[in-house]
Amino acid sequence: MQTILGSNGPIGHELAVELARHYTQDIRLVSRHPTRINPNDELVAADMLNAEETNAAIAGSDIVYFTLGLPMNSTMWEEQFPTMLANVMQACQVHHSKLVFFDNTYMYPKTAAVQTEDTPFAPEGRKATVRAKMATMLLTAMAQKTITAVICRAPEFYGPAGTKSITNTLLFKNLQAGKRVKVPVSQHTSRSLIWTPDASRAMALIGNTPDCYGQTWHLPIDRSRTYQELLRLAEQTLGHPIQRTVIPMWQFKLGALVSTQMRELAELLPRYQVDNRFSAAKFNHRFPDFTVTTFEQGIRTIFG
């Protein structure tokens, strides 16, 4: 049994498709209101804040994938994310289930230095602090060998359907809606972005490769591009110029004075001032046959 916690999100959904396609038909989908993705999926409604429900949802699982998400709300992250992970870790320990933890890069320094699996955490901001705390919780248990787990870390998303990210919302969703594209902070700094189906494919591969456990893995991406380069690719796909507005940092800061949503974004924005250099060299060396979706292919899919 392979169990996906947070199966309603874009990563969990694509993961369920990939597992059924290449690994197993014995799949359990867990969320507060799970919906079937593959014909034979087992559905379990559970709240990971409840230890008993978490334990029951994980019972009988060989592999558990943590793809749970929360709204962009710092207080909610502080109050809920560590508890959710602690409950999941405890249940995995009780049932001897392997844990595959899907992580982000919020805890890394917001600099132009290359990010690798060995990059020290330097969280700035409440959400970054929460993600650093969660990763450290799991890394400590892994080092103590009290749990069999692996961390799969990904940069910012872009992708089809329900993919949620700053890039997807301000660029691609606006473009799909016929609105003017909004570029956060700068169109000249390079961005590391992962195609959401690639993230799920890579996570399924790692989860089903026994020698990957006990480590952190950066998931594979196409080479970094600037927003200017990405919009040029979109122009080639659509066949017309794209109107855009670059939103400077001061404008975001001004908006944060009156908008809760802008305040939540504030801690993430410094990373858009510098090149974002995310390295997946370790994954590429271990899995040389994995095919990464290029930006050209991804953009054609979004607007196809």
Protein backbone atom coordinates (compact mmCIF):
# COMPACT_ATOMS: atom_id res chain seq x y z
CA MET A 1 0.00 0.00 0.00
CA GLN A 2 1.28 3.46 -0.97
CA THR A 3 -0.52 6.32 0.76
CA ILE A 4 -0.68 9.96 -0.32
CA LEU A 5 -1.41 12.53 2.37
CA GLY A 6 -2.80 15.66 0.75
CA SER A 7 -4.04 13.93 -2.38
CA ASN A 8 -6.30 16.80 -3.49
CA GLY A 9 -3.39 19.15 -4.22
CA PRO A 10 -1.62 19.32 -7.61
CA ILE A 11 1.44 17.39 -6.39
CA GLY A 12 -0.65 14.70 -4.70
CA HIS A 13 -2.93 14.37 -7.73
CA GLU A 14 -0.07 13.95 -10.19
CA LEU A 15 1.64 11.57 -7.77
CA ALA A 16 -1.41 9.31 -7.68
CA VAL A 17 -1.46 9.20 -11.48
CA GLU A 18 2.25 8.37 -11.64
CA LEU A 19 2.10 5.65 -8.98
CA ALA A 20 -0.81 3.93 -10.73
CA ARG A 21 0.88 4.21 -14.12
CA HIS A 22 4.26 2.76 -13.13
CA TYR A 23 4.39 1.34 -9.61
CA THR A 24 1.21 0.03 -7.96
CA GLN A 25 -2.57 -0.12 -8.07
CA ASP A 26 -2.67 -0.35 -4.28
CA ILE A 27 -3.04 3.36 -3.53
CA ARG A 28 -4.71 5.14 -0.61
CA LEU A 29 -5.68 8.79 -0.94
CA VAL A 30 -5.97 10.78 2.28
CA SER A 31 -7.30 14.29 2.84
CA ARG A 32 -10.21 15.86 4.67
CA HIS A 33 -12.39 15.29 1.61
CA PRO A 34 -10.54 12.92 -0.74
CA THR A 35 -11.69 12.29 -4.29
CA ARG A 36 -10.83 9.28 -6.42
CA ILE A 37 -8.15 9.80 -9.07
CA ASN A 38 -7.58 6.23 -10.27
CA PRO A 39 -10.34 3.59 -10.50
CA ASN A 40 -9.00 1.44 -7.65
CA ASP A 41 -7.99 4.16 -5.19
CA GLU A 42 -8.92 3.68 -1.54
CA LEU A 43 -10.27 6.90 -0.03
CA VAL A 44 -9.73 7.86 3.61
CA ALA A 45 -11.02 11.10 5.11
CA ALA A 46 -8.72 12.24 7.90
CA ASP A 47 -7.34 15.33 9.59
CA MET A 48 -3.57 15.14 10.17
CA LEU A 49 -3.96 17.44 13.17
CA ASN A 50 -5.71 14.53 14.86
CA ALA A 51 -3.20 11.89 15.95
CA GLU A 52 -5.74 9.06 16.04
CA GLU A 53 -7.07 9.82 12.57
CA THR A 54 -3.51 10.10 11.25
CA ASN A 55 -2.58 6.75 12.78
CA ALA A 56 -5.60 5.05 11.23
CA ALA A 57 -4.98 6.64 7.82
CA ILE A 58 -1.39 5.38 7.72
CA ALA A 59 -1.98 1.88 9.13
CA GLY A 60 -1.00 -0.79 6.61
CA SER A 61 1.03 1.56 4.42
CA ASP A 62 4.40 0.54 3.02
CA ILE A 63 5.19 4.05 1.78
CA VAL A 64 3.61 7.34 2.90
CA TYR A 65 3.94 10.55 0.87
CA PHE A 66 3.59 13.84 2.75
CA THR A 67 2.28 16.34 0.19
CA LEU A 68 0.07 18.29 2.58
CA GLY A 69 -0.33 22.01 2.01
CA LEU A 70 -1.83 24.95 3.87
CA PRO A 71 -3.01 28.38 2.75
CA MET A 72 -0.40 31.16 2.71
CA ASN A 73 -1.03 32.08 6.35
CA SER A 74 1.92 32.30 8.74
CA THR A 75 -0.11 31.74 11.90
CA MET A 76 -1.75 28.66 10.44
CA TRP A 77 1.63 27.31 9.37
CA GLU A 78 3.09 27.82 12.85
CA GLU A 79 0.12 26.24 14.59
CA GLN A 80 -0.56 23.33 12.25
CA PHE A 81 2.36 22.22 10.09
CA PRO A 82 4.71 20.96 12.87
CA THR A 83 1.84 19.10 14.55
CA MET A 84 0.81 17.48 11.28
CA LEU A 85 4.34 16.29 10.60
CA ALA A 86 4.83 15.05 14.16
CA ASN A 87 1.62 13.00 13.94
CA VAL A 88 2.63 11.56 10.57
CA MET A 89 6.13 10.69 11.77
CA GLN A 90 4.77 8.98 14.86
CA ALA A 91 2.28 6.94 12.82
CA CYS A 92 4.99 5.92 10.35
CA GLN A 93 7.18 4.79 13.23
CA VAL A 94 4.34 2.76 14.78
CA HIS A 95 3.43 1.06 11.50
CA HIS A 96 7.00 0.78 10.13
CA SER A 97 6.01 2.81 7.07
CA LYS A 98 8.56 4.63 4.94
CA LEU A 99 8.01 8.39 4.72
CA VAL A 100 8.59 10.50 1.61
CA PHE A 101 8.47 14.17 2.62
CA PHE A 102 7.81 16.78 -0.06
CA ASP A 103 9.60 19.99 0.89
CA ASN A 104 10.25 23.49 -0.46
CA THR A 105 13.25 25.84 -0.39
CA TYR A 106 11.94 28.55 1.93
CA MET A 107 14.60 27.75 4.56
CA TYR A 108 17.52 28.43 2.23
CA PRO A 109 19.41 31.75 2.16
CA LYS A 110 17.83 34.29 -0.19
CA THR A 111 21.06 34.79 -2.12
CA ALA A 112 22.42 33.99 -5.57
CA ALA A 113 24.55 31.13 -4.21
CA VAL A 114 23.95 27.70 -5.71
CA GLN A 115 21.48 25.71 -3.60
CA THR A 116 22.40 22.06 -3.02
CA GLU A 117 21.18 19.40 -0.62
CA ASP A 118 23.98 20.46 1.75
CA THR A 119 23.08 24.16 1.81
CA PRO A 120 22.74 25.23 5.49
CA PHE A 121 19.34 26.51 6.54
CA ALA A 122 19.11 30.28 7.08
CA PRO A 123 15.38 30.98 7.45
CA GLU A 124 14.17 34.57 7.23
CA GLY A 125 10.51 35.06 8.03
CA ARG A 126 7.81 33.08 9.78
CA LYS A 127 6.98 30.63 7.02
CA ALA A 128 10.65 29.92 6.33
CA THR A 129 11.19 29.28 10.04
CA VAL A 130 8.35 26.76 10.09
CA ARG A 131 9.70 24.86 7.08
CA ALA A 132 13.20 24.81 8.60
CA LYS A 133 11.75 23.46 11.84
CA MET A 134 9.87 20.71 10.01
CA ALA A 135 12.85 19.64 7.92
CA THR A 136 15.07 19.62 11.02
CA MET A 137 12.54 17.47 12.91
CA LEU A 138 12.68 14.87 10.18
CA LEU A 139 16.44 15.08 9.60
CA THR A 140 17.03 14.51 13.32
CA ALA A 141 14.86 11.39 13.33
CA MET A 142 16.57 10.15 10.16
CA ALA A 143 20.01 10.64 11.74
CA GLN A 144 18.87 8.79 14.85
CA LYS A 145 17.50 6.04 12.59
CA THR A 146 14.12 6.12 14.33
CA ILE A 147 12.35 6.47 10.98
CA THR A 148 12.99 5.43 7.38
CA ALA A 149 12.43 8.60 5.41
CA VAL A 150 13.57 10.70 2.49
CA ILE A 151 13.22 14.43 1.79
CA CYS A 152 12.29 15.54 -1.74
CA ARG A 153 12.90 19.27 -2.09
CA ALA A 154 11.56 21.39 -4.95
CA PRO A 155 11.81 25.06 -5.92
CA GLU A 156 8.83 27.17 -6.97
CA PHE A 157 6.16 25.45 -9.07
CA TYR A 158 4.80 26.17 -12.49
CA GLY A 159 2.42 23.87 -14.27
CA PRO A 160 -1.03 23.01 -15.57
CA ALA A 161 -4.48 23.07 -14.01
CA GLY A 162 -4.54 23.86 -10.30
CA THR A 163 -0.86 24.67 -9.84
CA LYS A 164 -0.48 27.50 -7.32
CA SER A 165 2.60 29.72 -7.15
CA ILE A 166 3.59 33.35 -7.53
CA THR A 167 4.85 32.71 -11.06
CA ASN A 168 1.82 30.74 -12.16
CA THR A 169 -0.60 33.30 -10.72
CA LEU A 170 1.03 36.54 -11.86
CA LEU A 171 2.31 35.37 -15.23
CA PHE A 172 0.57 32.38 -16.70
CA LYS A 173 -2.87 32.63 -15.09
CA ASN A 174 -3.12 36.32 -15.99
CA LEU A 175 -2.06 35.53 -19.53
CA GLN A 176 -4.64 32.75 -19.82
CA ALA A 177 -7.32 35.15 -18.58
CA GLY A 178 -6.38 37.79 -21.13
CA LYS A 179 -5.01 40.09 -18.44
CA ARG A 180 -1.78 42.04 -18.37
CA VAL A 181 1.12 39.95 -17.05
CA LYS A 182 2.61 41.07 -13.73
CA VAL A 183 6.28 40.30 -13.15
CA PRO A 184 7.37 40.18 -9.49
CA VAL A 185 10.33 42.45 -8.63
CA SER A 186 12.53 41.86 -11.71
CA GLN A 187 12.32 40.28 -15.14
CA HIS A 188 16.12 39.97 -15.40
CA THR A 189 16.99 37.63 -12.51
CA SER A 190 17.00 33.92 -13.29
CA ARG A 191 14.32 31.71 -11.77
CA SER A 192 14.48 28.01 -10.89
CA LEU A 193 11.03 26.52 -11.47
CA ILE A 194 9.80 22.93 -11.42
CA TRP A 195 7.03 21.55 -13.63
CA THR A 196 4.57 20.04 -11.14
CA PRO A 197 4.13 16.69 -12.96
CA ASP A 198 7.95 16.34 -13.01
CA ALA A 199 8.05 16.88 -9.24
CA SER A 200 5.53 14.10 -8.72
CA ARG A 201 7.24 11.73 -11.18
CA ALA A 202 10.58 12.26 -9.47
CA MET A 203 9.09 11.81 -6.01
CA ALA A 204 7.44 8.53 -7.03
CA LEU A 205 10.77 7.34 -8.43
CA ILE A 206 12.68 8.26 -5.27
CA GLY A 207 10.03 6.72 -3.03
CA ASN A 208 10.27 3.44 -4.89
CA THR A 209 14.09 3.36 -4.95
CA PRO A 210 15.26 1.83 -1.64
CA ASP A 211 18.78 3.27 -1.66
CA CYS A 212 17.43 6.84 -1.85
CA TYR A 213 16.17 6.80 1.74
CA GLY A 214 18.04 8.48 4.56
CA GLN A 215 18.91 11.43 2.32
CA THR A 216 17.69 14.74 0.92
CA TRP A 217 17.17 15.02 -2.85
CA HIS A 218 16.65 18.11 -4.97
CA LEU A 219 14.06 17.32 -7.63
CA PRO A 220 14.94 17.85 -11.31
CA ILE A 221 14.34 21.06 -13.24
CA ASP A 222 15.09 22.60 -16.62
CA ARG A 223 17.89 25.18 -16.62
CA SER A 224 16.99 28.47 -14.95
CA ARG A 225 15.51 31.28 -17.06
CA THR A 226 14.63 34.91 -16.46
CA TYR A 227 11.02 36.03 -16.63
CA GLN A 228 11.94 37.94 -19.76
CA GLU A 229 13.11 34.67 -21.35
CA LEU A 230 10.01 32.79 -20.18
CA LEU A 231 7.71 35.44 -21.63
CA ARG A 232 9.63 35.33 -24.89
CA LEU A 233 8.94 31.58 -25.05
CA ALA A 234 5.26 32.27 -24.35
CA GLU A 235 5.21 34.86 -27.14
CA GLN A 236 6.62 32.28 -29.54
CA THR A 237 3.91 29.82 -28.49
CA LEU A 238 1.04 32.32 -28.68
CA GLY A 239 2.28 34.19 -31.71
CA HIS A 240 1.85 37.70 -30.33
CA PRO A 241 3.65 40.17 -28.01
CA ILE A 242 2.86 39.97 -24.31
CA GLN A 243 2.16 43.15 -22.37
CA ARG A 244 3.70 43.16 -18.92
CA THR A 245 4.18 45.28 -15.83
CA VAL A 246 7.12 44.77 -13.49
CA ILE A 247 5.98 45.26 -9.89
CA PRO A 248 8.90 46.74 -7.91
CA MET A 249 9.64 45.77 -4.33
CA TRP A 250 8.48 49.12 -2.95
CA GLN A 251 5.04 48.56 -4.46
CA PHE A 252 4.73 45.18 -2.77
CA LYS A 253 5.79 46.76 0.54
CA LEU A 254 3.19 49.50 0.12
CA GLY A 255 0.51 46.90 -0.58
CA ALA A 256 1.54 44.97 2.53
CA LEU A 257 0.40 47.90 4.67
CA VAL A 258 -3.22 47.32 3.70
CA SER A 259 -3.36 43.75 2.34
CA THR A 260 -3.00 40.57 4.38
CA GLN A 261 -2.16 38.63 1.23
CA MET A 262 0.64 41.07 0.39
CA ARG A 263 2.00 40.78 3.93
CA GLU A 264 2.16 37.02 3.57
CA LEU A 265 4.08 37.37 0.32
CA ALA A 266 6.56 39.86 1.78
CA GLU A 267 9.05 37.36 3.20
CA LEU A 268 9.25 35.48 -0.11
CA LEU A 269 9.99 38.47 -2.35
CA PRO A 270 13.70 39.06 -1.58
CA ARG A 271 14.52 35.86 -3.46
CA TYR A 272 13.19 37.50 -6.63
CA GLN A 273 15.82 40.24 -6.38
CA VAL A 274 18.67 37.81 -7.07
CA ASP A 275 19.30 34.83 -9.32
CA ASN A 276 17.75 31.64 -7.91
CA ARG A 277 20.23 28.82 -8.58
CA PHE A 278 18.77 25.46 -7.56
CA SER A 279 20.97 22.45 -8.33
CA ALA A 280 19.54 18.99 -9.01
CA ALA A 281 22.95 17.55 -9.99
CA LYS A 282 22.70 14.77 -7.40
CA PHE A 283 19.38 13.54 -8.83
CA ASN A 284 20.59 13.88 -12.41
CA HIS A 285 23.65 11.77 -11.63
CA ARG A 286 21.61 9.05 -9.88
CA PHE A 287 18.80 9.00 -12.49
CA PRO A 288 20.39 9.98 -15.83
CA ASP A 289 17.46 8.61 -17.84
CA PHE A 290 14.84 10.84 -16.19
CA THR A 291 13.43 13.22 -18.79
CA VAL A 292 12.79 16.74 -17.54
CA THR A 293 10.00 18.79 -19.11
CA THR A 294 11.61 21.78 -20.80
CA PHE A 295 10.17 25.26 -20.40
CA GLU A 296 9.25 25.18 -24.07
CA GLN A 297 7.23 21.99 -23.54
CA GLY A 298 5.67 23.21 -20.30
CA ILE A 299 4.56 26.53 -21.75
CA ARG A 300 3.10 24.83 -24.81
CA THR A 301 1.13 22.54 -22.49
CA ILE A 302 -0.19 25.44 -20.41
CA PHE A 303 -1.42 27.31 -23.48
CA GLY A 304 -2.20 24.30 -25.66
